C-alpha atoms as a PDB file:
ATOM      1  CA  MET A   1     120.127 226.433  38.782  1.00  0.00           C
ATOM      2  CA  SER A   2     118.380 223.101  38.652  1.00  0.00           C
ATOM      3  CA  ASN A   3     116.802 221.549  41.685  1.00  0.00           C
ATOM      4  CA  PRO A   4     118.668 218.269  42.405  1.00  0.00           C
ATOM      5  CA  MET A   5     115.646 216.797  44.218  1.00  0.00           C
ATOM      6  CA  LEU A   6     113.384 217.634  41.271  1.00  0.00           C
ATOM      7  CA  SER A   7     115.887 216.144  38.832  1.00  0.00           C
ATOM      8  CA  ARG A   8     116.029 212.943  40.857  1.00  0.00           C
ATOM      9  CA  ARG A   9     112.208 212.779  40.965  1.00  0.00           C
ATOM     10  CA  LEU A  10     112.046 213.165  37.172  1.00  0.00           C
ATOM     11  CA  GLU A  11     114.686 210.461  36.652  1.00  0.00           C
ATOM     12  CA  THR A  12     112.823 208.071  38.922  1.00  0.00           C
ATOM     13  CA  THR A  13     109.526 208.753  37.195  1.00  0.00           C
ATOM     14  CA  ALA A  14     111.036 208.172  33.785  1.00  0.00           C
ATOM     15  CA  MET A  15     112.476 204.783  34.758  1.00  0.00           C
ATOM     16  CA  PRO A  16     110.162 201.798  34.170  1.00  0.00           C
ATOM     17  CA  PRO A  17     109.163 199.967  37.332  1.00  0.00           C
ATOM     18  CA  VAL A  18     111.175 196.856  38.126  1.00  0.00           C
ATOM     19  CA  VAL A  19     108.861 193.859  38.381  1.00  0.00           C
ATOM     20  CA  THR A  20     110.177 191.071  40.532  1.00  0.00           C
ATOM     21  CA  THR A  21     108.546 187.679  40.810  1.00  0.00           C
ATOM     22  CA  PRO A  22     108.801 185.636  43.990  1.00  0.00           C
ATOM     23  CA  GLY A  23     111.215 182.763  43.815  1.00  0.00           C
ATOM     24  CA  MET A  24     110.869 179.199  44.992  1.00  0.00           C
ATOM     25  CA  THR A  25     110.055 178.718  48.687  1.00  0.00           C
ATOM     26  CA  VAL A  26     109.630 175.702  50.927  1.00  0.00           C
ATOM     27  CA  GLY A  27     106.244 176.936  52.112  1.00  0.00           C
ATOM     28  CA  GLU A  28     104.839 177.321  48.618  1.00  0.00           C
ATOM     29  CA  THR A  29     106.147 173.915  47.552  1.00  0.00           C
ATOM     30  CA  VAL A  30     104.532 172.328  50.613  1.00  0.00           C
ATOM     31  CA  ARG A  31     101.224 174.061  49.888  1.00  0.00           C
ATOM     32  CA  ASN A  32     101.313 172.906  46.282  1.00  0.00           C
ATOM     33  CA  THR A  33     102.077 169.354  47.395  1.00  0.00           C
ATOM     34  CA  PHE A  34      99.093 169.370  49.742  1.00  0.00           C
ATOM     35  CA  ALA A  35      96.918 170.674  46.897  1.00  0.00           C
ATOM     36  CA  LEU A  36      98.046 167.764  44.724  1.00  0.00           C
ATOM     37  CA  LEU A  37      97.383 165.281  47.516  1.00  0.00           C
ATOM     38  CA  LEU A  38      93.886 166.670  48.033  1.00  0.00           C
ATOM     39  CA  ALA A  39      93.176 166.453  44.305  1.00  0.00           C
ATOM     40  CA  ALA A  40      94.416 162.857  44.249  1.00  0.00           C
ATOM     41  CA  VAL A  41      92.320 161.912  47.285  1.00  0.00           C
ATOM     42  CA  ALA A  42      89.197 163.465  45.750  1.00  0.00           C
ATOM     43  CA  ALA A  43      89.666 161.658  42.446  1.00  0.00           C
ATOM     44  CA  GLY A  44      90.641 158.486  44.306  1.00  0.00           C
ATOM     45  CA  ALA A  45      87.429 158.558  46.332  1.00  0.00           C
ATOM     46  CA  VAL A  46      85.377 158.706  43.135  1.00  0.00           C
ATOM     47  CA  ALA A  47      87.359 155.846  41.601  1.00  0.00           C
ATOM     48  CA  TRP A  48      87.059 153.810  44.817  1.00  0.00           C
ATOM     49  CA  MET A  49      83.273 154.083  44.788  1.00  0.00           C
ATOM     50  CA  ASN A  50      83.007 153.192  41.095  1.00  0.00           C
ATOM     51  CA  ALA A  51      85.771 150.585  40.736  1.00  0.00           C
ATOM     52  CA  ASP A  52      83.203 147.768  40.510  1.00  0.00           C
ATOM     53  CA  THR A  53      81.476 149.308  37.509  1.00  0.00           C
ATOM     54  CA  TRP A  54      84.236 151.173  35.677  1.00  0.00           C
ATOM     55  CA  PRO A  55      85.941 149.269  32.826  1.00  0.00           C
ATOM     56  CA  VAL A  56      89.628 148.459  33.147  1.00  0.00           C
ATOM     57  CA  TRP A  57      90.509 150.891  30.366  1.00  0.00           C
ATOM     58  CA  VAL A  58      89.875 153.720  32.858  1.00  0.00           C
ATOM     59  CA  LEU A  59      92.817 152.417  34.885  1.00  0.00           C
ATOM     60  CA  TRP A  60      95.045 152.245  31.818  1.00  0.00           C
ATOM     61  CA  ALA A  61      93.959 155.723  30.726  1.00  0.00           C
ATOM     62  CA  GLY A  62      94.975 157.070  34.121  1.00  0.00           C
ATOM     63  CA  LEU A  63      98.303 155.256  34.077  1.00  0.00           C
ATOM     64  CA  LEU A  64      99.277 156.246  30.542  1.00  0.00           C
ATOM     65  CA  GLY A  65      97.877 159.761  30.871  1.00  0.00           C
ATOM     66  CA  GLY A  66      99.757 160.365  34.098  1.00  0.00           C
ATOM     67  CA  LEU A  67     102.957 158.971  32.610  1.00  0.00           C
ATOM     68  CA  GLY A  68     102.581 161.231  29.596  1.00  0.00           C
ATOM     69  CA  LEU A  69     102.171 164.326  31.763  1.00  0.00           C
ATOM     70  CA  VAL A  70     105.258 163.397  33.793  1.00  0.00           C
ATOM     71  CA  ILE A  71     107.332 163.014  30.631  1.00  0.00           C
ATOM     72  CA  VAL A  72     106.161 166.396  29.329  1.00  0.00           C
ATOM     73  CA  ALA A  73     106.977 168.027  32.689  1.00  0.00           C
ATOM     74  CA  MET A  74     110.450 166.503  32.655  1.00  0.00           C
ATOM     75  CA  VAL A  75     111.110 167.879  29.166  1.00  0.00           C
ATOM     76  CA  LYS A  76     109.456 171.258  29.868  1.00  0.00           C
ATOM     77  CA  PRO A  77     109.629 171.841  33.665  1.00  0.00           C
ATOM     78  CA  ARG A  78     107.950 175.239  33.358  1.00  0.00           C
ATOM     79  CA  LEU A  79     104.741 173.490  32.253  1.00  0.00           C
ATOM     80  CA  ALA A  80     104.497 171.660  35.584  1.00  0.00           C
ATOM     81  CA  GLN A  81     102.437 174.548  36.963  1.00  0.00           C
ATOM     82  CA  TYR A  82      99.712 173.594  34.469  1.00  0.00           C
ATOM     83  CA  LEU A  83     100.209 169.814  34.438  1.00  0.00           C
ATOM     84  CA  ALA A  84     100.521 169.072  38.159  1.00  0.00           C
ATOM     85  CA  ILE A  85      96.806 169.176  39.035  1.00  0.00           C
ATOM     86  CA  PRO A  86      95.702 167.086  36.009  1.00  0.00           C
ATOM     87  CA  TYR A  87      98.438 164.599  36.895  1.00  0.00           C
ATOM     88  CA  ALA A  88      97.212 164.376  40.492  1.00  0.00           C
ATOM     89  CA  LEU A  89      93.636 163.779  39.313  1.00  0.00           C
ATOM     90  CA  LEU A  90      94.701 161.013  36.925  1.00  0.00           C
ATOM     91  CA  GLU A  91      96.866 159.352  39.557  1.00  0.00           C
ATOM     92  CA  GLY A  92      94.033 159.674  42.047  1.00  0.00           C
ATOM     93  CA  VAL A  93      91.866 157.615  39.726  1.00  0.00           C
ATOM     94  CA  VAL A  94      94.624 155.014  39.431  1.00  0.00           C
ATOM     95  CA  LEU A  95      95.209 154.869  43.183  1.00  0.00           C
ATOM     96  CA  GLY A  96      91.516 154.672  44.008  1.00  0.00           C
ATOM     97  CA  TYR A  97      90.884 151.951  41.449  1.00  0.00           C
ATOM     98  CA  ILE A  98      93.862 149.796  42.436  1.00  0.00           C
ATOM     99  CA  SER A  99      93.367 150.354  46.158  1.00  0.00           C
ATOM    100  CA  ARG A 100      89.771 149.148  45.956  1.00  0.00           C
ATOM    101  CA  LEU A 101      90.875 145.956  44.195  1.00  0.00           C
ATOM    102  CA  TYR A 102      93.456 145.244  46.878  1.00  0.00           C
ATOM    103  CA  GLU A 103      91.077 146.138  49.704  1.00  0.00           C
ATOM    104  CA  ASP A 104      88.427 143.735  48.394  1.00  0.00           C
ATOM    105  CA  ARG A 105      90.958 140.921  48.619  1.00  0.00           C
ATOM    106  CA  PHE A 106      92.905 141.952  51.723  1.00  0.00           C
ATOM    107  CA  SER A 107      90.748 143.820  54.203  1.00  0.00           C
ATOM    108  CA  GLY A 108      92.546 146.726  55.873  1.00  0.00           C
ATOM    109  CA  ILE A 109      95.561 146.658  53.548  1.00  0.00           C
ATOM    110  CA  VAL A 110      94.971 150.164  52.161  1.00  0.00           C
ATOM    111  CA  LEU A 111      95.100 151.810  55.580  1.00  0.00           C
ATOM    112  CA  GLN A 112      98.262 149.859  56.367  1.00  0.00           C
ATOM    113  CA  ALA A 113      99.859 151.001  53.095  1.00  0.00           C
ATOM    114  CA  VAL A 114      98.888 154.636  53.691  1.00  0.00           C
ATOM    115  CA  LEU A 115     100.319 154.591  57.217  1.00  0.00           C
ATOM    116  CA  ALA A 116     103.486 152.819  56.068  1.00  0.00           C
ATOM    117  CA  THR A 117     103.971 155.385  53.294  1.00  0.00           C
ATOM    118  CA  ALA A 118     103.556 158.240  55.787  1.00  0.00           C
ATOM    119  CA  VAL A 119     106.056 156.639  58.170  1.00  0.00           C
ATOM    120  CA  VAL A 120     108.626 156.095  55.414  1.00  0.00           C
ATOM    121  CA  PHE A 121     108.192 159.703  54.286  1.00  0.00           C
ATOM    122  CA  ALA A 122     108.692 161.002  57.831  1.00  0.00           C
ATOM    123  CA  VAL A 123     111.751 158.818  58.397  1.00  0.00           C
ATOM    124  CA  MET A 124     113.403 159.833  55.128  1.00  0.00           C
ATOM    125  CA  LEU A 125     112.685 163.514  55.835  1.00  0.00           C
ATOM    126  CA  LEU A 126     114.235 163.173  59.288  1.00  0.00           C
ATOM    127  CA  LEU A 127     117.286 161.419  57.857  1.00  0.00           C
ATOM    128  CA  TYR A 128     117.666 164.180  55.284  1.00  0.00           C
ATOM    129  CA  VAL A 129     117.157 167.135  57.632  1.00  0.00           C
ATOM    130  CA  SER A 130     119.499 165.680  60.255  1.00  0.00           C
ATOM    131  CA  ARG A 131     122.067 164.980  57.514  1.00  0.00           C
ATOM    132  CA  VAL A 132     122.357 161.359  58.611  1.00  0.00           C
ATOM    133  CA  ILE A 133     122.147 160.656  54.882  1.00  0.00           C
ATOM    134  CA  LYS A 134     123.684 163.286  52.637  1.00  0.00           C
ATOM    135  CA  VAL A 135     122.674 163.553  48.995  1.00  0.00           C
ATOM    136  CA  THR A 136     126.009 163.430  47.235  1.00  0.00           C
ATOM    137  CA  GLN A 137     126.580 163.163  43.507  1.00  0.00           C
ATOM    138  CA  ARG A 138     127.486 159.509  43.987  1.00  0.00           C
ATOM    139  CA  LEU A 139     124.261 158.757  45.866  1.00  0.00           C
ATOM    140  CA  ARG A 140     122.241 160.683  43.298  1.00  0.00           C
ATOM    141  CA  SER A 141     123.803 158.693  40.458  1.00  0.00           C
ATOM    142  CA  ILE A 142     123.117 155.373  42.202  1.00  0.00           C
ATOM    143  CA  VAL A 143     119.476 156.202  42.958  1.00  0.00           C
ATOM    144  CA  VAL A 144     118.786 157.557  39.463  1.00  0.00           C
ATOM    145  CA  GLY A 145     120.477 154.552  37.873  1.00  0.00           C
ATOM    146  CA  ALA A 146     118.534 152.103  40.034  1.00  0.00           C
ATOM    147  CA  THR A 147     115.284 153.942  39.298  1.00  0.00           C
ATOM    148  CA  LEU A 148     115.864 153.818  35.559  1.00  0.00           C
ATOM    149  CA  GLY A 149     116.703 150.127  35.873  1.00  0.00           C
ATOM    150  CA  ILE A 150     113.427 149.423  37.679  1.00  0.00           C
ATOM    151  CA  LEU A 151     111.505 151.471  35.114  1.00  0.00           C
ATOM    152  CA  GLY A 152     113.121 149.539  32.288  1.00  0.00           C
ATOM    153  CA  PHE A 153     112.302 146.237  33.995  1.00  0.00           C
ATOM    154  CA  TYR A 154     108.653 147.248  34.388  1.00  0.00           C
ATOM    155  CA  VAL A 155     108.416 148.245  30.720  1.00  0.00           C
ATOM    156  CA  ILE A 156     109.941 144.932  29.607  1.00  0.00           C
ATOM    157  CA  SER A 157     107.627 143.008  31.942  1.00  0.00           C
ATOM    158  CA  LEU A 158     104.605 144.881  30.617  1.00  0.00           C
ATOM    159  CA  ILE A 159     105.543 144.130  27.008  1.00  0.00           C
ATOM    160  CA  GLY A 160     106.298 140.515  27.925  1.00  0.00           C
ATOM    161  CA  SER A 161     102.920 140.090  29.599  1.00  0.00           C
ATOM    162  CA  MET A 162     101.256 141.014  26.310  1.00  0.00           C
ATOM    163  CA  PHE A 163     102.906 137.964  24.757  1.00  0.00           C
ATOM    164  CA  GLY A 164     102.281 135.624  27.684  1.00  0.00           C
ATOM    165  CA  TRP A 165     105.748 135.911  29.221  1.00  0.00           C
ATOM    166  CA  SER A 166     106.217 136.578  32.926  1.00  0.00           C
ATOM    167  CA  MET A 167     108.697 136.260  35.808  1.00  0.00           C
ATOM    168  CA  PRO A 168     106.898 134.358  38.583  1.00  0.00           C
ATOM    169  CA  LEU A 169     109.838 134.506  40.983  1.00  0.00           C
ATOM    170  CA  VAL A 170     109.580 138.301  41.019  1.00  0.00           C
ATOM    171  CA  TRP A 171     105.837 138.830  40.976  1.00  0.00           C
ATOM    172  CA  ASP A 172     104.680 135.980  43.217  1.00  0.00           C
ATOM    173  CA  SER A 173     104.559 135.952  47.021  1.00  0.00           C
ATOM    174  CA  GLY A 174     107.622 133.790  47.505  1.00  0.00           C
ATOM    175  CA  PRO A 175     110.843 134.960  49.189  1.00  0.00           C
ATOM    176  CA  TRP A 176     112.299 136.314  45.951  1.00  0.00           C
ATOM    177  CA  GLY A 177     109.116 138.191  45.139  1.00  0.00           C
ATOM    178  CA  ILE A 178     109.018 139.768  48.599  1.00  0.00           C
ATOM    179  CA  LEU A 179     112.717 140.652  48.412  1.00  0.00           C
ATOM    180  CA  PHE A 180     112.163 142.298  45.033  1.00  0.00           C
ATOM    181  CA  SER A 181     109.334 144.444  46.424  1.00  0.00           C
ATOM    182  CA  VAL A 182     111.435 145.433  49.448  1.00  0.00           C
ATOM    183  CA  VAL A 183     114.278 146.543  47.174  1.00  0.00           C
ATOM    184  CA  VAL A 184     111.987 148.509  44.865  1.00  0.00           C
ATOM    185  CA  ALA A 185     110.216 150.171  47.804  1.00  0.00           C
ATOM    186  CA  GLY A 186     113.643 151.074  49.202  1.00  0.00           C
ATOM    187  CA  ILE A 187     114.665 152.686  45.905  1.00  0.00           C
ATOM    188  CA  ALA A 188     111.400 154.645  45.887  1.00  0.00           C
ATOM    189  CA  ALA A 189     112.109 155.797  49.447  1.00  0.00           C
ATOM    190  CA  PHE A 190     115.578 157.018  48.470  1.00  0.00           C
ATOM    191  CA  ASN A 191     114.015 159.014  45.656  1.00  0.00           C
ATOM    192  CA  LEU A 192     112.392 161.086  48.396  1.00  0.00           C
ATOM    193  CA  LEU A 193     115.874 162.260  49.358  1.00  0.00           C
ATOM    194  CA  LEU A 194     116.425 163.505  45.821  1.00  0.00           C
ATOM    195  CA  ASP A 195     113.096 165.346  45.983  1.00  0.00           C
ATOM    196  CA  PHE A 196     114.065 167.012  49.263  1.00  0.00           C
ATOM    197  CA  ASP A 197     117.442 167.954  47.806  1.00  0.00           C
ATOM    198  CA  LEU A 198     115.800 169.479  44.740  1.00  0.00           C
ATOM    199  CA  ILE A 199     113.579 171.632  46.927  1.00  0.00           C
ATOM    200  CA  GLU A 200     116.452 172.776  49.146  1.00  0.00           C
ATOM    201  CA  ASN A 201     118.727 173.624  46.229  1.00  0.00           C
ATOM    202  CA  GLY A 202     115.907 175.395  44.404  1.00  0.00           C
ATOM    203  CA  VAL A 203     115.158 177.598  47.386  1.00  0.00           C
ATOM    204  CA  ARG A 204     118.836 178.305  47.990  1.00  0.00           C
ATOM    205  CA  SER A 205     119.416 179.349  44.365  1.00  0.00           C
ATOM    206  CA  ASN A 206     116.186 181.406  44.270  1.00  0.00           C
ATOM    207  CA  ALA A 207     114.732 179.320  41.449  1.00  0.00           C
ATOM    208  CA  PRO A 208     111.689 180.765  39.621  1.00  0.00           C
ATOM    209  CA  ASP A 209     108.309 180.324  41.263  1.00  0.00           C
ATOM    210  CA  TRP A 210     107.119 177.705  38.754  1.00  0.00           C
ATOM    211  CA  MET A 211     109.693 175.378  40.303  1.00  0.00           C
ATOM    212  CA  ASN A 212     107.350 175.127  43.302  1.00  0.00           C
ATOM    213  CA  TRP A 213     104.951 173.159  41.105  1.00  0.00           C
ATOM    214  CA  PHE A 214     107.700 171.143  39.449  1.00  0.00           C
ATOM    215  CA  ALA A 215     109.126 170.078  42.819  1.00  0.00           C
ATOM    216  CA  ALA A 216     105.658 169.330  44.209  1.00  0.00           C
ATOM    217  CA  MET A 217     104.829 167.243  41.158  1.00  0.00           C
ATOM    218  CA  GLY A 218     108.095 165.335  41.495  1.00  0.00           C
ATOM    219  CA  LEU A 219     107.380 164.655  45.155  1.00  0.00           C
ATOM    220  CA  MET A 220     103.887 163.467  44.227  1.00  0.00           C
ATOM    221  CA  VAL A 221     105.296 161.064  41.642  1.00  0.00           C
ATOM    222  CA  THR A 222     107.573 159.530  44.252  1.00  0.00           C
ATOM    223  CA  LEU A 223     104.822 159.224  46.861  1.00  0.00           C
ATOM    224  CA  VAL A 224     102.495 157.503  44.368  1.00  0.00           C
ATOM    225  CA  TRP A 225     105.234 155.055  43.413  1.00  0.00           C
ATOM    226  CA  LEU A 226     106.160 154.398  47.043  1.00  0.00           C
ATOM    227  CA  TYR A 227     102.541 153.777  48.049  1.00  0.00           C
ATOM    228  CA  LEU A 228     101.929 151.334  45.209  1.00  0.00           C
ATOM    229  CA  GLU A 229     105.118 149.397  45.974  1.00  0.00           C
ATOM    230  CA  ILE A 230     104.255 149.175  49.672  1.00  0.00           C
ATOM    231  CA  LEU A 231     100.738 148.066  48.751  1.00  0.00           C
ATOM    232  CA  ARG A 232     102.161 145.332  46.545  1.00  0.00           C
ATOM    233  CA  LEU A 233     104.620 144.265  49.244  1.00  0.00           C
ATOM    234  CA  LEU A 234     101.904 144.009  51.903  1.00  0.00           C
ATOM    235  CA  ALA A 235      99.732 142.005  49.533  1.00  0.00           C
ATOM    236  CA  LYS A 236     102.547 139.522  48.937  1.00  0.00           C
ATOM    237  CA  ILE A 237     103.138 139.131  52.660  1.00  0.00           C
ATOM    238  CA  GLN A 238      99.457 138.703  53.497  1.00  0.00           C
ATOM    239  CA  SER A 239      98.890 136.201  50.703  1.00  0.00           C
ATOM    240  CA  ARG A 240     101.378 133.877  52.408  1.00  0.00           C
ATOM    241  CA  ASP A 241      99.231 133.633  55.559  1.00  0.00           C
END
């Protein structure tokens, strides 16, 4: 007669171990986001100190390099775990370089922009957590559509500037220029809601752990955009004084 306990032991030993990988968590996404912010601050500090001597192509290399990494991450989200840190370093260079230029012209504007960005982030997080604003499919479609529209406008403006064409009513410090910056900053702020929704849905559906980096990278992209738009808005307002 066979021993049932021994048979069970042999069956268990013969079975290959089941390897489970941790899924997406809020805590891990937050930690990854902080890591990206620290990387950006470190690179930004270097760029800040060398902005007077670095050629302008360094800025363009950071902008285009960062944009390229974002596009690759959007096409292949799994690669975000490898691209997020390089993206943060490139954007840190861009932020440090641009911030120094603005600070040299408008003293104290960088601190104001940083604080304003933090306040907007906190407000949008509170609105999302309290469900004052719910991310519906309609809202998501509006925000994505508006974001793509702004991106398209920036691309057209960049190409136009190469041929000497510009839109002074939008880029200057007049009422229309300020209104444009307010609208764009508002669209950037609403993108934070989409980032929060992505994190919540990823955690709820037990998304793979590499989604922690993808979500953190997406949040970083939005924060960089929001900061730059607020910086531009403050510069327009201060230039009117």
